[in-house]
C-alpha atoms as a PDB file:
ATOM      1  CA  LYS A   1      16.202  -1.687  -4.046  1.00  0.00           C
ATOM      2  CA  GLU A   2      13.527   0.636  -5.418  1.00  0.00           C
ATOM      3  CA  GLU A   3      13.683   4.205  -4.167  1.00  0.00           C
ATOM      4  CA  ASN A   4       9.967   5.039  -4.539  1.00  0.00           C
ATOM      5  CA  ILE A   5       6.811   3.071  -3.862  1.00  0.00           C
ATOM      6  CA  VAL A   6       3.421   4.436  -4.929  1.00  0.00           C
ATOM      7  CA  ILE A   7       0.289   2.856  -3.428  1.00  0.00           C
ATOM      8  CA  LYS A   8      -3.147   3.859  -4.724  1.00  0.00           C
ATOM      9  CA  GLY A   9      -6.546   2.933  -3.385  1.00  0.00           C
ATOM     10  CA  THR A  10     -10.129   3.855  -4.222  1.00  0.00           C
ATOM     11  CA  CYS A  11     -13.432   3.363  -2.420  1.00  0.00           C
ATOM     12  CA  TYR A  12     -13.288   0.414  -0.049  1.00  0.00           C
ATOM     13  CA  VAL A  13      -9.612  -0.292  -0.750  1.00  0.00           C
ATOM     14  CA  ILE A  14      -8.445   2.991   0.826  1.00  0.00           C
ATOM     15  CA  SER A  15      -8.156   1.433   4.292  1.00  0.00           C
ATOM     16  CA  LYS A  16      -6.128  -1.478   2.884  1.00  0.00           C
ATOM     17  CA  ALA A  17      -3.795   0.932   1.054  1.00  0.00           C
ATOM     18  CA  ILE A  18      -3.204   2.846   4.293  1.00  0.00           C
ATOM     19  CA  SER A  19      -2.574  -0.395   6.225  1.00  0.00           C
ATOM     20  CA  LEU A  20      -0.113  -1.578   3.570  1.00  0.00           C
ATOM     21  CA  ALA A  21       1.784   1.729   3.595  1.00  0.00           C
ATOM     22  CA  THR A  22       1.957   1.680   7.402  1.00  0.00           C
ATOM     23  CA  SER A  23       3.262  -1.906   7.417  1.00  0.00           C
ATOM     24  CA  ILE A  24       5.953  -1.041   4.861  1.00  0.00           C
ATOM     25  CA  ARG A  25       7.019   2.062   6.811  1.00  0.00           C
ATOM     26  CA  TYR A  26       7.479  -0.018   9.988  1.00  0.00           C
ATOM     27  CA  ARG A  27       9.644  -2.577   8.126  1.00  0.00           C
ATOM     28  CA  PHE A  28      12.126  -0.403   6.224  1.00  0.00           C
ATOM     29  CA  LYS A  29      14.286   2.404   7.622  1.00  0.00           C
ATOM     30  CA  GLY A  30      14.268   5.931   6.279  1.00  0.00           C
ATOM     31  CA  LEU A  31      10.984   5.911   4.336  1.00  0.00           C
ATOM     32  CA  LYS A  32       9.378   9.331   4.062  1.00  0.00           C
ATOM     33  CA  GLN A  33       5.724   9.582   3.064  1.00  0.00           C
ATOM     34  CA  ILE A  34       3.420  11.875   1.123  1.00  0.00           C
ATOM     35  CA  VAL A  35      -0.335  11.271   1.109  1.00  0.00           C
ATOM     36  CA  ASP A  36      -2.592  12.809  -1.546  1.00  0.00           C
ATOM     37  CA  ILE A  37      -6.377  12.639  -1.251  1.00  0.00           C
ATOM     38  CA  GLY A  38      -8.716  13.361  -4.130  1.00  0.00           C
ATOM     39  CA  THR A  39     -11.472  12.084  -6.358  1.00  0.00           C
ATOM     40  CA  MET A  40     -11.520  10.244  -9.646  1.00  0.00           C
ATOM     41  CA  ASP A  41     -14.209  10.032 -12.336  1.00  0.00           C
ATOM     42  CA  MET A  42     -15.341   6.520 -13.224  1.00  0.00           C
ATOM     43  CA  GLU A  43     -17.721   5.261 -15.895  1.00  0.00           C
ATOM     44  CA  ASP A  44     -19.614   1.999 -15.647  1.00  0.00           C
ATOM     45  CA  GLU A  45     -21.117   0.700 -18.871  1.00  0.00           C
ATOM     46  CA  TYR A  46     -23.991  -1.776 -18.762  1.00  0.00           C
ATOM     47  CA  GLU A  47     -24.953  -3.622 -21.913  1.00  0.00           C
ATOM     48  CA  PRO A  48     -28.534  -4.902 -22.130  1.00  0.00           C
ATOM     49  CA  LEU A  49     -29.284  -8.594 -22.007  1.00  0.00           C
ATOM     50  CA  GLU A  50     -32.260  -8.183 -24.340  1.00  0.00           C
ATOM     51  CA  GLU A  51     -32.153  -7.082 -27.973  1.00  0.00           C
ATOM     52  CA  GLY A  52     -33.203  -3.513 -28.809  1.00  0.00           C
ATOM     53  CA  LEU A  53     -32.367  -1.819 -25.494  1.00  0.00           C
ATOM     54  CA  ASP A  54     -29.808   0.974 -25.133  1.00  0.00           C
ATOM     55  CA  THR A  55     -26.480   0.685 -23.368  1.00  0.00           C
ATOM     56  CA  VAL A  56     -26.541   2.473 -19.996  1.00  0.00           C
ATOM     57  CA  ILE A  57     -23.505   4.505 -18.912  1.00  0.00           C
ATOM     58  CA  VAL A  58     -23.285   5.560 -15.255  1.00  0.00           C
ATOM     59  CA  LYS A  59     -20.739   8.248 -14.346  1.00  0.00           C
ATOM     60  CA  ARG A  60     -19.635   8.681 -10.741  1.00  0.00           C
ATOM     61  CA  LYS A  61     -16.879  10.191  -8.628  1.00  0.00           C
ATOM     62  CA  VAL A  62     -14.981   7.974  -6.212  1.00  0.00           C
ATOM     63  CA  ALA A  63     -12.555   8.808  -3.424  1.00  0.00           C
ATOM     64  CA  LEU A  64      -8.869   8.228  -4.203  1.00  0.00           C
ATOM     65  CA  VAL A  65      -5.803   8.101  -1.970  1.00  0.00           C
ATOM     66  CA  THR A  66      -2.241   8.060  -3.315  1.00  0.00           C
ATOM     67  CA  ILE A  67       0.561   7.245  -0.879  1.00  0.00           C
ATOM     68  CA  THR A  68       4.163   7.777  -1.969  1.00  0.00           C
ATOM     69  CA  LEU A  69       6.918   6.189   0.119  1.00  0.00           C
ATOM     70  CA  SER A  70      10.472   7.198  -0.688  1.00  0.00           C
ATOM     71  CA  LYS A  71      14.037   6.977   0.561  1.00  0.00           C
ATOM     72  CA  LEU A  72      14.772  10.139  -1.428  1.00  0.00           C
ATOM     73  CA  GLU A  73      13.980  13.656  -0.257  1.00  0.00           C
ATOM     74  CA  LEU A  74      10.347  14.655  -0.761  1.00  0.00           C
ATOM     75  CA  ASP A  75       8.602  18.031  -0.695  1.00  0.00           C
ATOM     76  CA  VAL A  76       8.513  18.866   3.038  1.00  0.00           C
ATOM     77  CA  LYS A  77       6.024  21.697   2.397  1.00  0.00           C
ATOM     78  CA  HIS A  78       3.420  19.292   1.007  1.00  0.00           C
ATOM     79  CA  PRO A  79       0.429  19.101   3.414  1.00  0.00           C
ATOM     80  CA  GLY A  80       0.501  15.270   3.366  1.00  0.00           C
ATOM     81  CA  TYR A  81       4.232  14.942   4.146  1.00  0.00           C
ATOM     82  CA  SER A  82       5.402  12.672   7.000  1.00  0.00           C
ATOM     83  CA  GLU A  83       9.006  12.383   8.150  1.00  0.00           C
ATOM     84  CA  ALA A  84      10.662   8.951   8.365  1.00  0.00           C
ATOM     85  CA  LEU A  85       9.918   6.968  11.523  1.00  0.00           C
ATOM     86  CA  PRO A  86      12.613   6.846  14.225  1.00  0.00           C
ATOM     87  CA  ASP A  87      14.897   3.794  14.017  1.00  0.00           C
ATOM     88  CA  SER A  88      13.668   2.612  17.436  1.00  0.00           C
ATOM     89  CA  GLU A  89      10.183   1.970  15.951  1.00  0.00           C
ATOM     90  CA  ILE A  90      11.407  -0.025  12.931  1.00  0.00           C
ATOM     91  CA  ILE A  91      11.190  -3.828  12.919  1.00  0.00           C
ATOM     92  CA  GLN A  92      13.877  -4.569  10.334  1.00  0.00           C
ATOM     93  CA  PHE A  93      12.734  -6.747   7.420  1.00  0.00           C
ATOM     94  CA  GLN A  94      14.436 -10.138   7.096  1.00  0.00           C
ATOM     95  CA  PRO A  95      13.927 -12.398   4.093  1.00  0.00           C
ATOM     96  CA  LEU A  96      12.837 -15.935   4.964  1.00  0.00           C
ATOM     97  CA  GLY A  97      15.726 -18.295   5.590  1.00  0.00           C
ATOM     98  CA  VAL A  98      18.126 -15.554   6.724  1.00  0.00           C
ATOM     99  CA  LEU A  99      19.110 -15.832  10.386  1.00  0.00           C
ATOM    100  CA  ILE A 100      20.347 -13.037  12.572  1.00  0.00           C
ATOM    101  CA  GLU A 101      23.509 -13.924  14.479  1.00  0.00           C
ATOM    102  CA  GLY A 102      22.577 -15.692  17.708  1.00  0.00           C
ATOM    103  CA  GLU A 103      18.961 -16.308  16.703  1.00  0.00           C
ATOM    104  CA  ALA A 104      17.576 -19.841  16.708  1.00  0.00           C
ATOM    105  CA  PRO A 105      15.934 -21.115  13.505  1.00  0.00           C
ATOM    106  CA  ARG A 106      12.141 -21.045  13.442  1.00  0.00           C
ATOM    107  CA  ARG A 107      10.468 -24.306  14.291  1.00  0.00           C
ATOM    108  CA  GLY A 108       6.920 -25.442  13.977  1.00  0.00           C
ATOM    109  CA  TYR A 109       5.420 -23.627  11.031  1.00  0.00           C
ATOM    110  CA  ILE A 110       5.866 -24.829   7.460  1.00  0.00           C
ATOM    111  CA  SER A 111       5.070 -22.226   4.824  1.00  0.00           C
ATOM    112  CA  ARG A 112       3.353 -24.744   2.544  1.00  0.00           C
ATOM    113  CA  GLY A 113       0.583 -25.274   5.082  1.00  0.00           C
ATOM    114  CA  GLY A 114       0.579 -26.925   8.451  1.00  0.00           C
ATOM    115  CA  TYR A 115       2.809 -27.529  11.428  1.00  0.00           C
ATOM    116  CA  ARG A 116       5.663 -29.967  11.906  1.00  0.00           C
END
């Protein structure tokens, strides 16, 4: 129902953000994508365990990826733009409990853990 999804990832989470965006694109038709890559400044503050010591502040730059998925038109001139996937590559999303006409109900796996 949402028209835009924004996924952000830094450092070690970048690969997970890309995997998530790819999974979503293969489940829903017509999603266009823009990927932005950059850096972000972070500050880590360490307070001393002993009395009388100074607080240490460490500043660092970390890698950042921002992935925007949208059903709306996006800027096609953006260097990170990707067109929507062809319908033949989409595995249409189905909420649990909804059967497609002619499909047998799933047997065996129970979502609360275990097999029947």
